[in-house]
């Protein structure tokens, strides 16, 4: 198999609220299917994520404040998003009230990384490679 693309699907409890959450990250709503919507899509640049109301995967938050304490407790999907400036994204997240569960940190695996958690428990590792 040679993959031509990959679009993750997130199980969400409320698609409209999730569109608004992604908008705070600078993503745009591409489309919504159904009335009320049960499926939808957000995009940033060439990257897309599908959203499914109540299906197609798991969701759920841990009770931990930090996603670096014990990531095995998280029940939502984890994804890496690669950006140019992690610190600029962090400032936007803080300004927009997005839950940051791990501040920008230079990690031993040679990336600068932060984590944010979606209200349904999905965790996004927002990263940039460090120059060696």
Protein backbone atom coordinates (compact mmCIF):
# COMPACT_ATOMS: atom_id res chain seq x y z
CA UNK A 1 0.00 0.00 0.00
CA UNK A 2 1.14 3.52 -0.78
CA UNK A 3 -0.93 6.04 1.17
CA UNK A 4 -2.00 9.16 -0.70
CA UNK A 5 -3.26 10.98 2.38
CA UNK A 6 -4.31 10.54 5.99
CA UNK A 7 -7.19 12.24 7.79
CA UNK A 8 -7.70 11.45 11.47
CA UNK A 9 -11.26 11.28 12.82
CA UNK A 10 -12.03 12.55 16.31
CA UNK A 11 -15.03 11.43 18.34
CA UNK A 12 -16.50 14.65 19.78
CA UNK A 13 -19.44 15.37 22.06
CA UNK A 14 -20.43 18.59 20.25
CA UNK A 15 -19.35 19.41 16.69
CA UNK A 16 -20.30 23.11 16.78
CA UNK A 17 -18.35 23.65 20.03
CA UNK A 18 -15.42 21.77 18.51
CA UNK A 19 -15.50 24.01 15.42
CA UNK A 20 -15.27 27.00 17.81
CA UNK A 21 -12.42 25.37 19.79
CA UNK A 22 -10.39 24.76 16.63
CA UNK A 23 -11.08 28.34 15.48
CA UNK A 24 -9.27 29.52 18.63
CA UNK A 25 -6.24 27.58 17.35
CA UNK A 26 -6.54 29.30 13.97
CA UNK A 27 -8.15 26.34 12.15
CA UNK A 28 -11.15 26.85 9.87
CA UNK A 29 -14.39 24.94 9.49
CA UNK A 30 -14.44 23.32 6.04
CA UNK A 31 -17.83 21.61 6.05
CA UNK A 32 -20.49 20.03 8.25
CA UNK A 33 -22.81 17.18 7.26
CA UNK A 34 -26.33 16.71 8.60
CA UNK A 35 -28.90 18.85 10.38
CA UNK A 36 -27.85 19.05 13.11
CA UNK A 37 -24.33 18.15 11.99
CA UNK A 38 -23.09 14.70 12.90
CA UNK A 39 -19.88 14.85 10.88
CA UNK A 40 -17.58 17.71 9.90
CA UNK A 41 -14.11 18.83 8.95
CA UNK A 42 -11.60 21.46 10.11
CA UNK A 43 -8.45 22.52 8.27
CA UNK A 44 -5.17 24.35 8.83
CA UNK A 45 -3.08 24.71 5.69
CA UNK A 46 -3.06 21.30 3.98
CA UNK A 47 -3.95 19.43 7.20
CA UNK A 48 -7.50 18.28 7.90
CA UNK A 49 -9.23 16.56 10.81
CA UNK A 50 -12.68 14.99 10.54
CA UNK A 51 -15.06 15.30 13.49
CA UNK A 52 -17.70 12.71 14.30
CA UNK A 53 -20.40 13.31 16.90
CA UNK A 54 -20.39 10.42 19.37
CA UNK A 55 -18.68 7.79 17.22
CA UNK A 56 -15.70 6.52 15.27
CA UNK A 57 -13.24 6.26 18.11
CA UNK A 58 -12.94 6.99 21.78
CA UNK A 59 -12.76 10.12 23.83
CA UNK A 60 -12.42 11.04 27.45
CA UNK A 61 -10.33 13.16 29.76
CA UNK A 62 -8.08 12.08 32.55
CA UNK A 63 -8.26 13.89 35.87
CA UNK A 64 -4.59 14.88 35.62
CA UNK A 65 -3.72 18.55 35.15
CA UNK A 66 -0.60 17.75 33.11
CA UNK A 67 -0.41 15.39 30.14
CA UNK A 68 3.25 14.78 30.96
CA UNK A 69 2.45 13.26 34.38
CA UNK A 70 1.12 9.92 33.11
CA UNK A 71 0.02 9.88 29.48
CA UNK A 72 -1.41 6.36 29.89
CA UNK A 73 -4.31 7.94 31.83
CA UNK A 74 -5.49 9.91 28.79
CA UNK A 75 -8.38 8.30 26.89
CA UNK A 76 -8.66 10.63 23.90
CA UNK A 77 -6.67 10.58 20.68
CA UNK A 78 -3.14 12.05 20.66
CA UNK A 79 -1.82 13.85 17.59
CA UNK A 80 1.31 15.82 16.73
CA UNK A 81 0.92 19.13 14.95
CA UNK A 82 4.13 20.60 13.52
CA UNK A 83 4.40 24.40 13.49
CA UNK A 84 7.01 27.10 12.91
CA UNK A 85 6.80 28.77 16.35
CA UNK A 86 5.62 26.79 19.39
CA UNK A 87 5.93 29.82 21.67
CA UNK A 88 3.69 31.96 19.44
CA UNK A 89 1.08 29.18 19.43
CA UNK A 90 1.37 28.97 23.22
CA UNK A 91 0.68 32.70 23.57
CA UNK A 92 -2.40 32.38 21.34
CA UNK A 93 -3.67 29.37 23.28
CA UNK A 94 -3.30 31.18 26.61
CA UNK A 95 -4.97 34.31 25.21
CA UNK A 96 -7.88 32.23 23.88
CA UNK A 97 -8.43 30.13 27.01
CA UNK A 98 -7.29 26.81 25.54
CA UNK A 99 -6.19 24.29 28.16
CA UNK A 100 -2.39 23.97 27.99
CA UNK A 101 -1.35 20.79 29.78
CA UNK A 102 2.39 20.97 29.08
CA UNK A 103 4.16 24.32 28.50
CA UNK A 104 6.67 24.85 25.68
CA UNK A 105 9.69 22.73 26.58
CA UNK A 106 12.89 21.74 24.76
CA UNK A 107 12.57 17.95 24.90
CA UNK A 108 15.42 15.41 24.85
CA UNK A 109 14.06 13.98 21.56
CA UNK A 110 15.15 17.23 19.86
CA UNK A 111 11.85 19.09 19.59
CA UNK A 112 10.33 22.10 21.31
CA UNK A 113 6.89 20.92 22.31
CA UNK A 114 3.75 21.90 24.18
CA UNK A 115 0.47 20.05 24.75
CA UNK A 116 -3.12 21.28 24.60
CA UNK A 117 -6.19 19.27 25.53
CA UNK A 118 -9.54 19.45 23.71
CA UNK A 119 -12.61 19.43 26.01
CA UNK A 120 -13.31 15.81 24.96
CA UNK A 121 -9.82 14.74 26.07
CA UNK A 122 -7.97 14.69 22.74
CA UNK A 123 -4.37 15.86 23.20
CA UNK A 124 -2.39 17.79 20.61
CA UNK A 125 1.39 17.83 20.81
CA UNK A 126 2.34 21.10 19.13
CA UNK A 127 5.95 20.80 18.11
CA UNK A 128 8.87 22.17 16.16
CA UNK A 129 12.14 20.36 15.52
CA UNK A 130 15.21 21.84 17.21
CA UNK A 131 18.36 22.52 15.24
CA UNK A 132 20.98 20.07 16.38
